[in-house]
């Protein structure tokens, strides 16, 4: 049985915030030219620009030693909530996305400068914020790195 919840909250006159939870996780969007959701191939959403990327969690092993299983120690995909802030705007995130089981995410955004903040743990994993510039009719690729604290 599929459960669908849509909550609409007015933020300001003419703008709304939508929150959706379904089989693929929870996602949000605003009517201010931003749509977010699970990863999709470019050209299948409503916007023709935005950010795509991957979130990686590492290191997975203490200082790598000779003969250690290299595959086991590679950074792993990380499922995490990512808040997106538009440069020059005060206030909270304009969009939030959730990376999938492969660490991939996609946010359809209007052209501009953005800061992405993956929500890690406290104190670990600790995720570095990244900035990205979105241009018309293209998706900017970003890699977000989260530190496990393993040394």
N, C-alpha and C. Protein backbone atom coordinates (compact mmCIF):
# COMPACT_ATOMS: atom_id res chain seq x y z
N UNK A 1 0.84 -1.17 0.00
CA UNK A 1 0.00 0.00 0.00
C UNK A 1 0.89 1.24 0.00
N UNK A 2 0.66 2.16 -0.91
CA UNK A 2 1.43 3.38 -0.99
C UNK A 2 0.77 4.46 -0.14
N UNK A 3 1.61 5.19 0.61
CA UNK A 3 1.12 6.30 1.42
C UNK A 3 1.69 7.58 0.83
N UNK A 4 0.82 8.55 0.63
CA UNK A 4 1.23 9.82 0.05
C UNK A 4 0.75 10.93 0.97
N UNK A 5 1.66 11.82 1.33
CA UNK A 5 1.31 12.96 2.17
C UNK A 5 1.82 14.21 1.49
N UNK A 6 0.94 15.16 1.27
CA UNK A 6 1.36 16.44 0.72
C UNK A 6 0.90 17.52 1.69
N UNK A 7 1.82 18.35 2.12
CA UNK A 7 1.53 19.43 3.04
C UNK A 7 1.88 20.73 2.35
N UNK A 8 0.96 21.67 2.33
CA UNK A 8 1.19 22.97 1.71
C UNK A 8 1.15 24.02 2.80
N UNK A 9 2.21 24.82 2.90
CA UNK A 9 2.30 25.88 3.89
C UNK A 9 2.65 27.17 3.18
N UNK A 10 1.89 28.22 3.41
CA UNK A 10 2.21 29.51 2.80
C UNK A 10 3.41 30.12 3.51
N UNK A 11 4.39 30.54 2.74
CA UNK A 11 5.58 31.19 3.28
C UNK A 11 5.41 32.70 3.21
N UNK A 12 4.98 33.17 2.08
CA UNK A 12 4.75 34.59 1.85
C UNK A 12 3.69 34.70 0.76
N UNK A 13 3.18 35.88 0.58
CA UNK A 13 2.13 36.08 -0.42
C UNK A 13 2.59 35.54 -1.78
N UNK A 14 1.84 34.63 -2.34
CA UNK A 14 2.16 34.10 -3.66
C UNK A 14 3.19 32.99 -3.69
N UNK A 15 3.76 32.61 -2.54
CA UNK A 15 4.76 31.55 -2.52
C UNK A 15 4.29 30.45 -1.57
N UNK A 16 4.59 29.22 -1.92
CA UNK A 16 4.19 28.09 -1.09
C UNK A 16 5.34 27.12 -0.94
N UNK A 17 5.29 26.34 0.11
CA UNK A 17 6.27 25.30 0.37
C UNK A 17 5.53 23.97 0.33
N UNK A 18 6.05 23.00 -0.41
CA UNK A 18 5.44 21.69 -0.53
C UNK A 18 6.38 20.65 0.06
N UNK A 19 5.81 19.70 0.78
CA UNK A 19 6.60 18.62 1.35
C UNK A 19 5.91 17.32 0.95
N UNK A 20 6.67 16.38 0.37
CA UNK A 20 6.11 15.14 -0.15
C UNK A 20 6.86 13.96 0.44
N UNK A 21 6.13 13.00 0.92
CA UNK A 21 6.72 11.74 1.37
C UNK A 21 6.05 10.60 0.62
N UNK A 22 6.81 9.72 0.05
CA UNK A 22 6.29 8.57 -0.68
C UNK A 22 7.28 7.43 -0.60
N UNK A 23 7.13 6.46 -1.49
CA UNK A 23 7.99 5.28 -1.49
C UNK A 23 9.47 5.64 -1.67
N UNK A 24 9.78 6.71 -2.42
CA UNK A 24 11.17 7.07 -2.70
C UNK A 24 11.81 7.96 -1.66
N UNK A 25 11.11 8.28 -0.57
CA UNK A 25 11.66 9.16 0.46
C UNK A 25 10.86 10.44 0.54
N UNK A 26 11.40 11.43 1.22
CA UNK A 26 10.72 12.71 1.40
C UNK A 26 11.47 13.81 0.65
N UNK A 27 10.72 14.70 0.03
CA UNK A 27 11.30 15.75 -0.78
C UNK A 27 10.50 17.03 -0.58
N UNK A 28 11.10 18.16 -0.93
CA UNK A 28 10.40 19.43 -0.78
C UNK A 28 10.62 20.30 -2.01
N UNK A 29 9.77 21.30 -2.13
CA UNK A 29 9.90 22.25 -3.23
C UNK A 29 9.19 23.54 -2.84
N UNK A 30 9.55 24.63 -3.49
CA UNK A 30 8.84 25.88 -3.29
C UNK A 30 8.35 26.35 -4.65
N UNK A 31 7.44 27.30 -4.63
CA UNK A 31 6.94 27.84 -5.89
C UNK A 31 7.79 29.02 -6.35
N UNK A 32 8.96 29.20 -5.75
CA UNK A 32 9.86 30.28 -6.13
C UNK A 32 10.85 29.84 -7.19
N UNK A 33 10.43 29.00 -8.13
CA UNK A 33 11.28 28.58 -9.23
C UNK A 33 12.21 27.45 -8.90
N UNK A 34 11.93 26.74 -7.81
CA UNK A 34 12.79 25.64 -7.41
C UNK A 34 11.94 24.38 -7.29
N UNK A 35 12.38 23.30 -7.91
CA UNK A 35 11.73 22.01 -7.78
C UNK A 35 12.79 21.00 -7.39
N UNK A 36 12.48 20.14 -6.43
CA UNK A 36 13.46 19.13 -5.99
C UNK A 36 12.82 17.77 -6.03
N UNK A 37 13.64 16.76 -6.03
CA UNK A 37 13.10 15.41 -6.03
C UNK A 37 14.20 14.39 -6.18
N UNK A 38 13.82 13.14 -6.40
CA UNK A 38 14.83 12.10 -6.56
C UNK A 38 15.60 12.28 -7.85
N UNK A 39 16.76 11.67 -7.96
CA UNK A 39 17.55 11.82 -9.18
C UNK A 39 16.77 11.38 -10.42
N UNK A 40 16.86 12.17 -11.46
CA UNK A 40 16.26 11.86 -12.76
C UNK A 40 17.28 12.22 -13.83
N UNK A 41 17.24 11.57 -14.96
CA UNK A 41 18.12 11.99 -16.05
C UNK A 41 17.77 13.41 -16.49
N UNK A 42 18.77 14.23 -16.90
CA UNK A 42 18.48 15.58 -17.36
C UNK A 42 17.42 15.58 -18.44
N UNK A 43 16.58 16.61 -18.41
CA UNK A 43 15.56 16.77 -19.43
C UNK A 43 14.24 16.13 -19.08
N UNK A 44 14.15 15.41 -17.95
CA UNK A 44 12.90 14.76 -17.60
C UNK A 44 12.11 15.53 -16.56
N UNK A 45 12.66 16.59 -15.99
CA UNK A 45 11.96 17.38 -14.99
C UNK A 45 11.32 18.61 -15.60
N UNK A 46 10.92 19.52 -14.74
CA UNK A 46 10.27 20.73 -15.22
C UNK A 46 11.26 21.85 -15.49
N UNK A 47 12.41 21.86 -14.84
CA UNK A 47 13.45 22.86 -15.06
C UNK A 47 14.51 22.26 -15.97
N UNK A 48 15.17 23.10 -16.72
CA UNK A 48 16.26 22.60 -17.57
C UNK A 48 17.62 22.99 -17.02
N UNK A 49 17.66 23.35 -15.72
CA UNK A 49 18.93 23.68 -15.09
C UNK A 49 18.88 23.28 -13.62
N UNK A 50 20.06 23.14 -13.03
CA UNK A 50 20.13 22.79 -11.63
C UNK A 50 21.45 22.15 -11.26
N UNK A 51 21.40 21.32 -10.23
CA UNK A 51 22.60 20.67 -9.71
C UNK A 51 22.35 19.18 -9.59
N UNK A 52 23.32 18.38 -10.03
CA UNK A 52 23.30 16.94 -9.79
C UNK A 52 24.60 16.61 -9.06
N UNK A 53 24.61 15.50 -8.37
CA UNK A 53 25.84 15.17 -7.68
C UNK A 53 25.78 13.88 -6.93
N UNK A 54 26.82 13.67 -6.14
CA UNK A 54 26.95 12.48 -5.32
C UNK A 54 27.51 12.88 -3.96
N UNK A 55 27.10 12.15 -2.93
CA UNK A 55 27.63 12.34 -1.58
C UNK A 55 28.43 11.10 -1.23
N UNK A 56 29.69 11.31 -0.81
CA UNK A 56 30.58 10.19 -0.46
C UNK A 56 30.99 10.28 1.01
N UNK A 57 31.07 9.12 1.65
CA UNK A 57 31.43 9.02 3.07
C UNK A 57 32.75 8.29 3.20
N UNK A 58 33.72 8.93 3.85
CA UNK A 58 35.02 8.30 4.01
C UNK A 58 35.87 9.05 5.02
N UNK A 59 37.01 8.58 5.43
CA UNK A 59 37.53 7.28 5.03
C UNK A 59 36.76 6.15 5.70
N UNK A 60 36.86 4.96 5.10
CA UNK A 60 36.18 3.77 5.60
C UNK A 60 37.10 2.92 6.48
N UNK A 61 38.41 3.16 6.39
CA UNK A 61 39.40 2.38 7.14
C UNK A 61 40.39 3.35 7.78
N UNK A 62 41.05 2.90 8.87
CA UNK A 62 42.14 3.71 9.41
C UNK A 62 43.24 3.82 8.35
N UNK A 63 44.29 4.52 8.64
CA UNK A 63 45.37 4.71 7.68
C UNK A 63 45.58 3.42 6.90
N UNK A 64 45.50 3.52 5.58
CA UNK A 64 45.58 2.33 4.73
C UNK A 64 46.96 1.70 4.85
N UNK A 65 46.94 0.39 5.05
CA UNK A 65 48.19 -0.36 5.18
C UNK A 65 48.41 -1.22 3.93
N UNK A 66 49.62 -1.66 3.73
CA UNK A 66 49.93 -2.55 2.62
C UNK A 66 49.10 -3.82 2.79
N UNK A 67 48.59 -4.35 1.70
CA UNK A 67 47.78 -5.57 1.65
C UNK A 67 46.35 -5.39 2.16
N UNK A 68 45.98 -4.18 2.56
CA UNK A 68 44.60 -3.97 3.01
C UNK A 68 43.68 -3.97 1.79
N UNK A 69 42.48 -4.45 1.95
CA UNK A 69 41.50 -4.54 0.87
C UNK A 69 41.13 -3.13 0.39
N UNK A 70 41.66 -2.77 -0.79
CA UNK A 70 41.46 -1.43 -1.32
C UNK A 70 39.99 -1.11 -1.55
N UNK A 71 39.23 -2.06 -2.05
CA UNK A 71 37.80 -1.84 -2.32
C UNK A 71 37.05 -1.53 -1.03
N UNK A 72 37.35 -2.26 0.02
CA UNK A 72 36.68 -2.07 1.30
C UNK A 72 36.95 -0.68 1.88
N UNK A 73 38.09 -0.10 1.56
CA UNK A 73 38.49 1.18 2.14
C UNK A 73 38.10 2.40 1.31
N UNK A 74 37.52 2.20 0.13
CA UNK A 74 37.10 3.34 -0.70
C UNK A 74 35.93 4.06 -0.05
N UNK A 75 35.83 5.36 -0.35
CA UNK A 75 34.69 6.13 0.12
C UNK A 75 33.41 5.49 -0.40
N UNK A 76 32.36 5.51 0.43
CA UNK A 76 31.09 4.87 0.09
C UNK A 76 30.02 5.93 -0.16
N UNK A 77 29.03 5.60 -0.99
CA UNK A 77 27.89 6.52 -1.18
C UNK A 77 27.18 6.71 0.16
N UNK A 78 26.60 7.89 0.35
CA UNK A 78 25.99 8.24 1.63
C UNK A 78 24.60 8.83 1.37
N UNK A 79 23.60 8.29 2.04
CA UNK A 79 22.24 8.82 1.96
C UNK A 79 22.09 9.86 3.06
N UNK A 80 21.81 11.10 2.65
CA UNK A 80 21.75 12.19 3.62
C UNK A 80 20.87 13.32 3.06
N UNK A 81 20.32 14.10 3.94
CA UNK A 81 19.54 15.29 3.55
C UNK A 81 20.50 16.41 3.19
N UNK A 82 20.21 17.11 2.10
CA UNK A 82 21.06 18.20 1.62
C UNK A 82 20.21 19.47 1.54
N UNK A 83 20.62 20.50 2.28
CA UNK A 83 19.94 21.79 2.23
C UNK A 83 20.64 22.66 1.20
N UNK A 84 19.85 23.38 0.41
CA UNK A 84 20.39 24.24 -0.65
C UNK A 84 19.99 25.68 -0.36
N UNK A 85 20.99 26.55 -0.33
CA UNK A 85 20.80 27.97 -0.05
C UNK A 85 21.19 28.77 -1.28
N UNK A 86 20.41 29.79 -1.62
CA UNK A 86 20.74 30.64 -2.76
C UNK A 86 21.53 31.84 -2.26
N UNK A 87 22.66 32.14 -2.90
CA UNK A 87 23.49 33.27 -2.50
C UNK A 87 22.71 34.56 -2.62
N UNK A 88 22.89 35.44 -1.65
CA UNK A 88 22.23 36.74 -1.67
C UNK A 88 20.85 36.75 -1.02
N UNK A 89 20.33 35.57 -0.66
CA UNK A 89 19.04 35.51 0.02
C UNK A 89 19.27 35.19 1.48
N UNK A 90 18.63 35.92 2.36
CA UNK A 90 18.73 35.60 3.78
C UNK A 90 17.63 34.60 4.13
N UNK A 91 17.81 33.95 5.24
CA UNK A 91 16.81 32.98 5.66
C UNK A 91 17.30 31.57 5.48
N UNK A 92 16.35 30.64 5.49
CA UNK A 92 16.67 29.23 5.43
C UNK A 92 16.90 28.72 4.03
N UNK A 93 16.97 27.41 3.96
CA UNK A 93 17.20 26.73 2.69
C UNK A 93 16.03 26.97 1.74
N UNK A 94 16.33 27.13 0.46
CA UNK A 94 15.27 27.30 -0.53
C UNK A 94 14.81 25.95 -1.06
N UNK A 95 15.62 24.90 -0.82
CA UNK A 95 15.26 23.56 -1.26
C UNK A 95 16.01 22.55 -0.41
N UNK A 96 15.45 21.36 -0.33
CA UNK A 96 16.09 20.25 0.38
C UNK A 96 15.90 19.01 -0.48
N UNK A 97 16.98 18.25 -0.64
CA UNK A 97 16.90 16.99 -1.37
C UNK A 97 17.51 15.89 -0.51
N UNK A 98 17.20 14.66 -0.86
CA UNK A 98 17.74 13.51 -0.17
C UNK A 98 18.53 12.69 -1.18
N UNK A 99 19.80 12.41 -0.86
CA UNK A 99 20.58 11.56 -1.77
C UNK A 99 20.05 10.13 -1.66
N UNK A 100 20.15 9.38 -2.76
CA UNK A 100 19.60 8.03 -2.79
C UNK A 100 20.62 7.02 -2.24
N UNK A 101 20.32 5.73 -2.37
CA UNK A 101 21.20 4.68 -1.85
C UNK A 101 22.57 4.66 -2.51
N UNK A 102 22.67 5.26 -3.71
CA UNK A 102 23.95 5.35 -4.40
C UNK A 102 24.63 6.69 -4.14
N UNK A 103 24.07 7.50 -3.21
CA UNK A 103 24.63 8.79 -2.87
C UNK A 103 24.28 9.89 -3.86
N UNK A 104 23.49 9.57 -4.90
CA UNK A 104 23.19 10.54 -5.96
C UNK A 104 22.01 11.43 -5.58
N UNK A 105 22.06 12.68 -6.07
CA UNK A 105 20.96 13.61 -5.86
C UNK A 105 20.82 14.53 -7.06
N UNK A 106 19.68 15.18 -7.13
CA UNK A 106 19.39 16.12 -8.22
C UNK A 106 18.46 17.19 -7.68
N UNK A 107 18.76 18.43 -7.99
CA UNK A 107 17.90 19.56 -7.62
C UNK A 107 17.73 20.43 -8.86
N UNK A 108 16.50 20.64 -9.25
CA UNK A 108 16.21 21.52 -10.38
C UNK A 108 16.13 22.94 -9.84
N UNK A 109 17.01 23.81 -10.34
CA UNK A 109 17.15 25.17 -9.82
C UNK A 109 17.25 26.18 -10.95
N UNK A 110 16.82 27.38 -10.67
CA UNK A 110 17.00 28.47 -11.62
C UNK A 110 18.48 28.87 -11.61
N UNK A 111 18.96 29.51 -12.68
CA UNK A 111 20.37 29.93 -12.70
C UNK A 111 20.70 30.84 -11.52
N UNK A 112 21.93 30.68 -10.98
CA UNK A 112 22.39 31.47 -9.85
C UNK A 112 23.47 30.74 -9.09
N UNK A 113 23.89 31.33 -7.98
CA UNK A 113 24.93 30.76 -7.12
C UNK A 113 24.28 30.14 -5.89
N UNK A 114 24.73 28.94 -5.54
CA UNK A 114 24.12 28.19 -4.45
C UNK A 114 25.18 27.60 -3.53
N UNK A 115 24.79 27.36 -2.28
CA UNK A 115 25.60 26.64 -1.31
C UNK A 115 24.84 25.39 -0.91
N UNK A 116 25.52 24.25 -0.92
CA UNK A 116 24.92 22.97 -0.56
C UNK A 116 25.52 22.51 0.76
N UNK A 117 24.65 22.15 1.70
CA UNK A 117 25.10 21.67 3.00
C UNK A 117 24.43 20.33 3.28
N UNK A 118 25.25 19.26 3.26
CA UNK A 118 24.75 17.94 3.62
C UNK A 118 24.72 17.86 5.14
N UNK A 119 23.61 17.34 5.66
CA UNK A 119 23.47 17.23 7.11
C UNK A 119 24.10 15.93 7.58
N UNK A 120 25.21 16.05 8.26
CA UNK A 120 25.88 14.87 8.79
C UNK A 120 25.37 14.59 10.19
N UNK A 121 26.24 14.04 11.01
CA UNK A 121 25.88 13.74 12.39
C UNK A 121 26.54 14.74 13.32
N UNK A 122 26.57 14.38 14.59
CA UNK A 122 27.17 15.25 15.58
C UNK A 122 28.06 14.42 16.49
N UNK A 123 29.35 14.45 16.44
CA UNK A 123 30.13 15.30 15.55
C UNK A 123 30.38 14.68 14.17
N UNK A 124 30.19 13.34 14.04
CA UNK A 124 30.47 12.69 12.75
C UNK A 124 29.26 11.93 12.26
N UNK A 125 29.09 11.73 10.97
CA UNK A 125 29.96 12.25 9.92
C UNK A 125 29.81 13.76 9.77
N UNK A 126 30.91 14.38 9.47
CA UNK A 126 30.98 15.82 9.27
C UNK A 126 31.09 16.09 7.77
N UNK A 127 30.17 16.85 7.22
CA UNK A 127 30.13 17.07 5.76
C UNK A 127 30.58 18.48 5.41
N UNK A 128 31.43 18.58 4.38
CA UNK A 128 31.90 19.87 3.88
C UNK A 128 30.81 20.51 3.03
N UNK A 129 30.58 21.80 3.22
CA UNK A 129 29.64 22.49 2.32
C UNK A 129 30.36 22.84 1.03
N UNK A 130 29.60 22.89 -0.04
CA UNK A 130 30.15 23.20 -1.36
C UNK A 130 29.32 24.31 -2.00
N UNK A 131 29.96 25.09 -2.84
CA UNK A 131 29.25 26.11 -3.61
C UNK A 131 29.20 25.67 -5.06
N UNK A 132 28.17 26.13 -5.75
CA UNK A 132 28.02 25.77 -7.17
C UNK A 132 27.29 26.90 -7.88
N UNK A 133 27.65 27.09 -9.14
CA UNK A 133 26.98 28.06 -9.99
C UNK A 133 26.17 27.31 -11.04
N UNK A 134 24.89 27.64 -11.10
CA UNK A 134 23.99 27.03 -12.08
C UNK A 134 23.82 28.02 -13.22
N UNK A 135 24.01 27.54 -14.44
CA UNK A 135 23.80 28.37 -15.63
C UNK A 135 22.58 27.86 -16.38
N UNK A 136 22.08 28.68 -17.28
CA UNK A 136 20.90 28.31 -18.05
C UNK A 136 21.12 27.02 -18.82
N UNK A 137 20.10 26.19 -18.83
CA UNK A 137 20.04 24.96 -19.62
C UNK A 137 21.20 24.00 -19.38
N UNK A 138 21.66 23.92 -18.11
CA UNK A 138 22.70 22.95 -17.79
C UNK A 138 22.60 22.55 -16.32
N UNK A 139 23.13 21.38 -16.02
CA UNK A 139 23.18 20.89 -14.65
C UNK A 139 24.63 20.86 -14.21
N UNK A 140 24.93 21.53 -13.10
CA UNK A 140 26.27 21.58 -12.54
C UNK A 140 26.47 20.34 -11.67
N UNK A 141 27.62 19.66 -11.84
CA UNK A 141 27.91 18.47 -11.05
C UNK A 141 28.72 18.84 -9.82
N UNK A 142 28.32 18.27 -8.67
CA UNK A 142 28.95 18.57 -7.39
C UNK A 142 29.20 17.25 -6.65
N UNK A 143 30.35 17.15 -5.99
CA UNK A 143 30.62 16.04 -5.10
C UNK A 143 30.70 16.58 -3.68
N UNK A 144 29.86 16.04 -2.80
CA UNK A 144 29.87 16.42 -1.39
C UNK A 144 30.61 15.34 -0.61
N UNK A 145 31.57 15.74 0.20
CA UNK A 145 32.38 14.79 0.97
C UNK A 145 32.02 14.86 2.44
N UNK A 146 31.76 13.70 3.03
CA UNK A 146 31.45 13.61 4.45
C UNK A 146 32.52 12.76 5.14
N UNK A 147 33.03 13.25 6.24
CA UNK A 147 34.13 12.62 6.96
C UNK A 147 33.59 11.72 8.07
N UNK A 148 34.02 10.45 8.08
CA UNK A 148 33.60 9.49 9.11
C UNK A 148 34.29 9.73 10.45
N UNK A 149 35.43 10.40 10.42
CA UNK A 149 36.21 10.58 11.63
C UNK A 149 37.22 9.47 11.88
N UNK A 150 37.20 8.45 11.02
CA UNK A 150 38.16 7.34 11.16
C UNK A 150 39.55 7.86 10.78
N UNK A 151 40.53 7.59 11.61
CA UNK A 151 41.89 8.04 11.32
C UNK A 151 42.86 6.90 11.39
